[in-house]
Amino acid sequence: MTTESPRWFKSSYSNNGGDCVEVAANLAGSLGVIPVRDSKNPHGPVLDVRADAFTSFVTGVKAGDFSTL
């Protein structure tokens, strides 16, 4: 068990627009998950995404795999 606390951060692309998610990547090594939450509701629910799945998602976003065109 880890006593590590999540260190939340938002993307630099968020521009403080309010419609953002925050992630705590510091738990990937110790727990194997990336917690994700709504930045507007920091005390609300947290979705724990497996680190490998999150990495695949970010890779897909960077590659443009989720285009809305």
PDB file of N, CA and C in Angstrom:
ATOM      1  N   MET A   1       0.850  -1.185   0.000  1.00  0.00           N
ATOM      2  CA  MET A   1       0.000   0.000   0.000  1.00  0.00           C
ATOM      3  C   MET A   1       0.891   1.242   0.000  1.00  0.00           C
ATOM      4  N   THR A   2       0.458   2.248  -0.709  1.00  0.00           N
ATOM      5  CA  THR A   2       1.223   3.484  -0.784  1.00  0.00           C
ATOM      6  C   THR A   2       0.549   4.586   0.035  1.00  0.00           C
ATOM      7  N   THR A   3       1.358   5.463   0.562  1.00  0.00           N
ATOM      8  CA  THR A   3       0.815   6.624   1.277  1.00  0.00           C
ATOM      9  C   THR A   3       0.941   7.877   0.419  1.00  0.00           C
ATOM     10  N   GLU A   4       1.320   7.672  -0.819  1.00  0.00           N
ATOM     11  CA  GLU A   4       1.508   8.770  -1.751  1.00  0.00           C
ATOM     12  C   GLU A   4       0.166   9.448  -2.065  1.00  0.00           C
ATOM     13  N   SER A   5       0.148  10.764  -2.046  1.00  0.00           N
ATOM     14  CA  SER A   5      -1.051  11.527  -2.374  1.00  0.00           C
ATOM     15  C   SER A   5      -1.003  11.944  -3.839  1.00  0.00           C
ATOM     16  N   PRO A   6      -2.161  12.034  -4.479  1.00  0.00           N
ATOM     17  CA  PRO A   6      -2.163  12.494  -5.871  1.00  0.00           C
ATOM     18  C   PRO A   6      -1.699  13.940  -5.980  1.00  0.00           C
ATOM     19  N   ARG A   7      -0.878  14.209  -6.981  1.00  0.00           N
ATOM     20  CA  ARG A   7      -0.477  15.584  -7.306  1.00  0.00           C
ATOM     21  C   ARG A   7      -1.191  15.949  -8.600  1.00  0.00           C
ATOM     22  N   TRP A   8      -2.279  16.664  -8.469  1.00  0.00           N
ATOM     23  CA  TRP A   8      -3.154  16.971  -9.591  1.00  0.00           C
ATOM     24  C   TRP A   8      -2.575  18.072 -10.470  1.00  0.00           C
ATOM     25  N   PHE A   9      -2.768  17.935 -11.786  1.00  0.00           N
ATOM     26  CA  PHE A   9      -2.405  19.009 -12.703  1.00  0.00           C
ATOM     27  C   PHE A   9      -3.332  19.008 -13.906  1.00  0.00           C
ATOM     28  N   LYS A  10      -3.452  20.195 -14.507  1.00  0.00           N
ATOM     29  CA  LYS A  10      -4.246  20.375 -15.725  1.00  0.00           C
ATOM     30  C   LYS A  10      -3.300  20.581 -16.896  1.00  0.00           C
ATOM     31  N   SER A  11      -3.780  20.286 -18.062  1.00  0.00           N
ATOM     32  CA  SER A  11      -3.014  20.514 -19.281  1.00  0.00           C
ATOM     33  C   SER A  11      -2.711  21.995 -19.454  1.00  0.00           C
ATOM     34  N   SER A  12      -1.567  22.275 -20.008  1.00  0.00           N
ATOM     35  CA  SER A  12      -1.226  23.670 -20.316  1.00  0.00           C
ATOM     36  C   SER A  12      -2.123  24.221 -21.420  1.00  0.00           C
ATOM     37  N   TYR A  13      -2.859  23.357 -22.110  1.00  0.00           N
ATOM     38  CA  TYR A  13      -3.783  23.777 -23.163  1.00  0.00           C
ATOM     39  C   TYR A  13      -5.135  24.223 -22.604  1.00  0.00           C
ATOM     40  N   SER A  14      -5.343  24.101 -21.310  1.00  0.00           N
ATOM     41  CA  SER A  14      -6.667  24.388 -20.744  1.00  0.00           C
ATOM     42  C   SER A  14      -6.993  25.874 -20.717  1.00  0.00           C
ATOM     43  N   ASN A  15      -6.013  26.745 -20.641  1.00  0.00           N
ATOM     44  CA  ASN A  15      -6.226  28.194 -20.643  1.00  0.00           C
ATOM     45  C   ASN A  15      -7.236  28.654 -19.597  1.00  0.00           C
ATOM     46  N   ASN A  16      -7.342  27.952 -18.504  1.00  0.00           N
ATOM     47  CA  ASN A  16      -8.264  28.308 -17.420  1.00  0.00           C
ATOM     48  C   ASN A  16      -9.691  28.518 -17.907  1.00  0.00           C
ATOM     49  N   GLY A  17     -10.101  27.757 -18.908  1.00  0.00           N
ATOM     50  CA  GLY A  17     -11.446  27.882 -19.447  1.00  0.00           C
ATOM     51  C   GLY A  17     -12.518  27.243 -18.584  1.00  0.00           C
ATOM     52  N   GLY A  18     -12.136  26.446 -17.603  1.00  0.00           N
ATOM     53  CA  GLY A  18     -13.092  25.848 -16.695  1.00  0.00           C
ATOM     54  C   GLY A  18     -13.589  24.477 -17.103  1.00  0.00           C
ATOM     55  N   ASP A  19     -13.460  24.101 -18.368  1.00  0.00           N
ATOM     56  CA  ASP A  19     -13.926  22.794 -18.817  1.00  0.00           C
ATOM     57  C   ASP A  19     -12.735  21.858 -18.977  1.00  0.00           C
ATOM     58  N   CYS A  20     -12.157  21.484 -17.845  1.00  0.00           N
ATOM     59  CA  CYS A  20     -10.914  20.729 -17.885  1.00  0.00           C
ATOM     60  C   CYS A  20     -10.999  19.484 -17.013  1.00  0.00           C
ATOM     61  N   VAL A  21     -10.114  18.582 -17.298  1.00  0.00           N
ATOM     62  CA  VAL A  21      -9.898  17.457 -16.397  1.00  0.00           C
ATOM     63  C   VAL A  21      -8.514  17.624 -15.791  1.00  0.00           C
ATOM     64  N   GLU A  22      -8.326  17.010 -14.653  1.00  0.00           N
ATOM     65  CA  GLU A  22      -7.017  16.987 -13.999  1.00  0.00           C
ATOM     66  C   GLU A  22      -6.584  15.533 -13.883  1.00  0.00           C
ATOM     67  N   VAL A  23      -5.293  15.301 -13.944  1.00  0.00           N
ATOM     68  CA  VAL A  23      -4.741  13.962 -13.775  1.00  0.00           C
ATOM     69  C   VAL A  23      -3.661  13.994 -12.709  1.00  0.00           C
ATOM     70  N   ALA A  24      -3.421  12.841 -12.119  1.00  0.00           N
ATOM     71  CA  ALA A  24      -2.362  12.701 -11.116  1.00  0.00           C
ATOM     72  C   ALA A  24      -1.435  11.579 -11.572  1.00  0.00           C
ATOM     73  N   ALA A  25      -0.543  11.919 -12.485  1.00  0.00           N
ATOM     74  CA  ALA A  25       0.343  10.923 -13.084  1.00  0.00           C
ATOM     75  C   ALA A  25       1.361  10.371 -12.103  1.00  0.00           C
ATOM     76  N   ASN A  26       1.546  11.020 -10.958  1.00  0.00           N
ATOM     77  CA  ASN A  26       2.556  10.552 -10.011  1.00  0.00           C
ATOM     78  C   ASN A  26       2.213   9.189  -9.395  1.00  0.00           C
ATOM     79  N   LEU A  27       0.994   8.724  -9.543  1.00  0.00           N
ATOM     80  CA  LEU A  27       0.607   7.436  -8.959  1.00  0.00           C
ATOM     81  C   LEU A  27       0.762   6.269  -9.934  1.00  0.00           C
ATOM     82  N   ALA A  28       1.187   6.553 -11.154  1.00  0.00           N
ATOM     83  CA  ALA A  28       1.318   5.490 -12.155  1.00  0.00           C
ATOM     84  C   ALA A  28       2.315   4.420 -11.716  1.00  0.00           C
ATOM     85  N   GLY A  29       3.441   4.834 -11.176  1.00  0.00           N
ATOM     86  CA  GLY A  29       4.464   3.870 -10.786  1.00  0.00           C
ATOM     87  C   GLY A  29       4.084   3.039  -9.572  1.00  0.00           C
ATOM     88  N   SER A  30       3.506   3.668  -8.569  1.00  0.00           N
ATOM     89  CA  SER A  30       3.205   2.958  -7.326  1.00  0.00           C
ATOM     90  C   SER A  30       1.894   2.184  -7.373  1.00  0.00           C
ATOM     91  N   LEU A  31       0.888   2.700  -8.075  1.00  0.00           N
ATOM     92  CA  LEU A  31      -0.422   2.046  -8.100  1.00  0.00           C
ATOM     93  C   LEU A  31      -0.809   1.484  -9.467  1.00  0.00           C
ATOM     94  N   GLY A  32      -0.093   1.918 -10.511  1.00  0.00           N
ATOM     95  CA  GLY A  32      -0.408   1.454 -11.862  1.00  0.00           C
ATOM     96  C   GLY A  32      -1.643   2.099 -12.451  1.00  0.00           C
ATOM     97  N   VAL A  33      -2.081   3.217 -11.873  1.00  0.00           N
ATOM     98  CA  VAL A  33      -3.260   3.922 -12.377  1.00  0.00           C
ATOM     99  C   VAL A  33      -2.966   5.412 -12.510  1.00  0.00           C
ATOM    100  N   ILE A  34      -3.764   6.057 -13.357  1.00  0.00           N
ATOM    101  CA  ILE A  34      -3.744   7.505 -13.505  1.00  0.00           C
ATOM    102  C   ILE A  34      -5.129   7.989 -13.054  1.00  0.00           C
ATOM    103  N   PRO A  35      -5.234   8.588 -11.873  1.00  0.00           N
ATOM    104  CA  PRO A  35      -6.521   9.145 -11.463  1.00  0.00           C
ATOM    105  C   PRO A  35      -6.875  10.361 -12.321  1.00  0.00           C
ATOM    106  N   VAL A  36      -8.153  10.469 -12.683  1.00  0.00           N
ATOM    107  CA  VAL A  36      -8.658  11.569 -13.500  1.00  0.00           C
ATOM    108  C   VAL A  36      -9.884  12.132 -12.796  1.00  0.00           C
ATOM    109  N   ARG A  37      -9.990  13.476 -12.751  1.00  0.00           N
ATOM    110  CA  ARG A  37     -11.155  14.102 -12.128  1.00  0.00           C
ATOM    111  C   ARG A  37     -11.530  15.377 -12.873  1.00  0.00           C
ATOM    112  N   ASP A  38     -12.736  15.858 -12.604  1.00  0.00           N
ATOM    113  CA  ASP A  38     -13.246  17.108 -13.167  1.00  0.00           C
ATOM    114  C   ASP A  38     -12.651  18.257 -12.364  1.00  0.00           C
ATOM    115  N   SER A  39     -11.989  19.186 -13.030  1.00  0.00           N
ATOM    116  CA  SER A  39     -11.344  20.289 -12.313  1.00  0.00           C
ATOM    117  C   SER A  39     -12.350  21.207 -11.631  1.00  0.00           C
ATOM    118  N   LYS A  40     -13.589  21.230 -12.120  1.00  0.00           N
ATOM    119  CA  LYS A  40     -14.617  22.078 -11.502  1.00  0.00           C
ATOM    120  C   LYS A  40     -15.165  21.461 -10.218  1.00  0.00           C
ATOM    121  N   ASN A  41     -14.911  20.176  -9.999  1.00  0.00           N
ATOM    122  CA  ASN A  41     -15.439  19.458  -8.843  1.00  0.00           C
ATOM    123  C   ASN A  41     -14.325  18.630  -8.200  1.00  0.00           C
ATOM    124  N   PRO A  42     -13.330  19.290  -7.594  1.00  0.00           N
ATOM    125  CA  PRO A  42     -12.163  18.562  -7.088  1.00  0.00           C
ATOM    126  C   PRO A  42     -12.466  17.582  -5.949  1.00  0.00           C
ATOM    127  N   HIS A  43     -13.620  17.705  -5.314  1.00  0.00           N
ATOM    128  CA  HIS A  43     -13.976  16.772  -4.247  1.00  0.00           C
ATOM    129  C   HIS A  43     -14.973  15.725  -4.729  1.00  0.00           C
ATOM    130  N   GLY A  44     -15.245  15.727  -6.030  1.00  0.00           N
ATOM    131  CA  GLY A  44     -16.181  14.774  -6.618  1.00  0.00           C
ATOM    132  C   GLY A  44     -15.504  13.456  -6.948  1.00  0.00           C
ATOM    133  N   PRO A  45     -16.156  12.664  -7.769  1.00  0.00           N
ATOM    134  CA  PRO A  45     -15.621  11.330  -8.090  1.00  0.00           C
ATOM    135  C   PRO A  45     -14.319  11.390  -8.875  1.00  0.00           C
ATOM    136  N   VAL A  46     -13.540  10.342  -8.731  1.00  0.00           N
ATOM    137  CA  VAL A  46     -12.263  10.184  -9.430  1.00  0.00           C
ATOM    138  C   VAL A  46     -12.317   8.881 -10.214  1.00  0.00           C
ATOM    139  N   LEU A  47     -11.920   8.937 -11.457  1.00  0.00           N
ATOM    140  CA  LEU A  47     -11.850   7.753 -12.303  1.00  0.00           C
ATOM    141  C   LEU A  47     -10.400   7.289 -12.347  1.00  0.00           C
ATOM    142  N   ASP A  48     -10.148   6.062 -11.911  1.00  0.00           N
ATOM    143  CA  ASP A  48      -8.797   5.497 -11.973  1.00  0.00           C
ATOM    144  C   ASP A  48      -8.651   4.730 -13.283  1.00  0.00           C
ATOM    145  N   VAL A  49      -7.773   5.216 -14.152  1.00  0.00           N
ATOM    146  CA  VAL A  49      -7.528   4.609 -15.456  1.00  0.00           C
ATOM    147  C   VAL A  49      -6.193   3.865 -15.385  1.00  0.00           C
ATOM    148  N   ARG A  50      -6.171   2.635 -15.870  1.00  0.00           N
ATOM    149  CA  ARG A  50      -4.904   1.896 -15.895  1.00  0.00           C
ATOM    150  C   ARG A  50      -3.865   2.711 -16.645  1.00  0.00           C
ATOM    151  N   ALA A  51      -2.644   2.724 -16.137  1.00  0.00           N
ATOM    152  CA  ALA A  51      -1.578   3.544 -16.723  1.00  0.00           C
ATOM    153  C   ALA A  51      -1.339   3.199 -18.186  1.00  0.00           C
ATOM    154  N   ASP A  52      -1.365   1.925 -18.550  1.00  0.00           N
ATOM    155  CA  ASP A  52      -1.129   1.555 -19.946  1.00  0.00           C
ATOM    156  C   ASP A  52      -2.269   2.029 -20.847  1.00  0.00           C
ATOM    157  N   ALA A  53      -3.495   1.996 -20.362  1.00  0.00           N
ATOM    158  CA  ALA A  53      -4.633   2.480 -21.144  1.00  0.00           C
ATOM    159  C   ALA A  53      -4.555   3.995 -21.321  1.00  0.00           C
ATOM    160  N   PHE A  54      -4.158   4.701 -20.279  1.00  0.00           N
ATOM    161  CA  PHE A  54      -4.038   6.157 -20.369  1.00  0.00           C
ATOM    162  C   PHE A  54      -2.939   6.540 -21.351  1.00  0.00           C
ATOM    163  N   THR A  55      -1.831   5.827 -21.303  1.00  0.00           N
ATOM    164  CA  THR A  55      -0.734   6.080 -22.240  1.00  0.00           C
ATOM    165  C   THR A  55      -1.195   5.870 -23.679  1.00  0.00           C
ATOM    166  N   SER A  56      -1.961   4.806 -23.921  1.00  0.00           N
ATOM    167  CA  SER A  56      -2.487   4.557 -25.269  1.00  0.00           C
ATOM    168  C   SER A  56      -3.434   5.665 -25.702  1.00  0.00           C
ATOM    169  N   PHE A  57      -4.267   6.138 -24.783  1.00  0.00           N
ATOM    170  CA  PHE A  57      -5.190   7.229 -25.089  1.00  0.00           C
ATOM    171  C   PHE A  57      -4.427   8.496 -25.468  1.00  0.00           C
ATOM    172  N   VAL A  58      -3.437   8.885 -24.682  1.00  0.00           N
ATOM    173  CA  VAL A  58      -2.664  10.095 -24.963  1.00  0.00           C
ATOM    174  C   VAL A  58      -1.925   9.959 -26.293  1.00  0.00           C
ATOM    175  N   THR A  59      -1.379   8.790 -26.563  1.00  0.00           N
ATOM    176  CA  THR A  59      -0.703   8.550 -27.839  1.00  0.00           C
ATOM    177  C   THR A  59      -1.685   8.737 -29.001  1.00  0.00           C
ATOM    178  N   GLY A  60      -2.903   8.227 -28.848  1.00  0.00           N
ATOM    179  CA  GLY A  60      -3.926   8.386 -29.881  1.00  0.00           C
ATOM    180  C   GLY A  60      -4.331   9.832 -30.083  1.00  0.00           C
ATOM    181  N   VAL A  61      -4.452  10.576 -28.995  1.00  0.00           N
ATOM    182  CA  VAL A  61      -4.798  11.997 -29.100  1.00  0.00           C
ATOM    183  C   VAL A  61      -3.712  12.740 -29.865  1.00  0.00           C
ATOM    184  N   LYS A  62      -2.470  12.497 -29.504  1.00  0.00           N
ATOM    185  CA  LYS A  62      -1.357  13.167 -30.176  1.00  0.00           C
ATOM    186  C   LYS A  62      -1.278  12.812 -31.655  1.00  0.00           C
ATOM    187  N   ALA A  63      -1.707  11.600 -32.001  1.00  0.00           N
ATOM    188  CA  ALA A  63      -1.651  11.142 -33.390  1.00  0.00           C
ATOM    189  C   ALA A  63      -2.863  11.602 -34.182  1.00  0.00           C
ATOM    190  N   GLY A  64      -3.845  12.212 -33.515  1.00  0.00           N
ATOM    191  CA  GLY A  64      -5.038  12.665 -34.215  1.00  0.00           C
ATOM    192  C   GLY A  64      -6.059  11.564 -34.453  1.00  0.00           C
ATOM    193  N   ASP A  65      -5.974  10.480 -33.723  1.00  0.00           N
ATOM    194  CA  ASP A  65      -6.880   9.352 -33.917  1.00  0.00           C
ATOM    195  C   ASP A  65      -8.322   9.645 -33.530  1.00  0.00           C
ATOM    196  N   PHE A  66      -8.567  10.720 -32.804  1.00  0.00           N
ATOM    197  CA  PHE A  66      -9.911  11.020 -32.314  1.00  0.00           C
ATOM    198  C   PHE A  66     -10.453  12.304 -32.929  1.00  0.00           C
ATOM    199  N   SER A  67     -10.109  12.553 -34.154  1.00  0.00           N
ATOM    200  CA  SER A  67     -10.547  13.750 -34.856  1.00  0.00           C
ATOM    201  C   SER A  67     -12.064  13.798 -34.947  1.00  0.00           C
ATOM    202  N   THR A  68     -12.637  14.982 -34.846  1.00  0.00           N
ATOM    203  CA  THR A  68     -14.090  15.144 -34.939  1.00  0.00           C
ATOM    204  C   THR A  68     -14.510  15.619 -36.321  1.00  0.00           C
ATOM    205  N   LEU A  69     -13.628  15.564 -37.276  1.00  0.00           N
ATOM    206  CA  LEU A  69     -13.956  16.031 -38.637  1.00  0.00           C
ATOM    207  C   LEU A  69     -14.883  15.092 -39.341  1.00  0.00           C
TER     208      LEU A  69
END
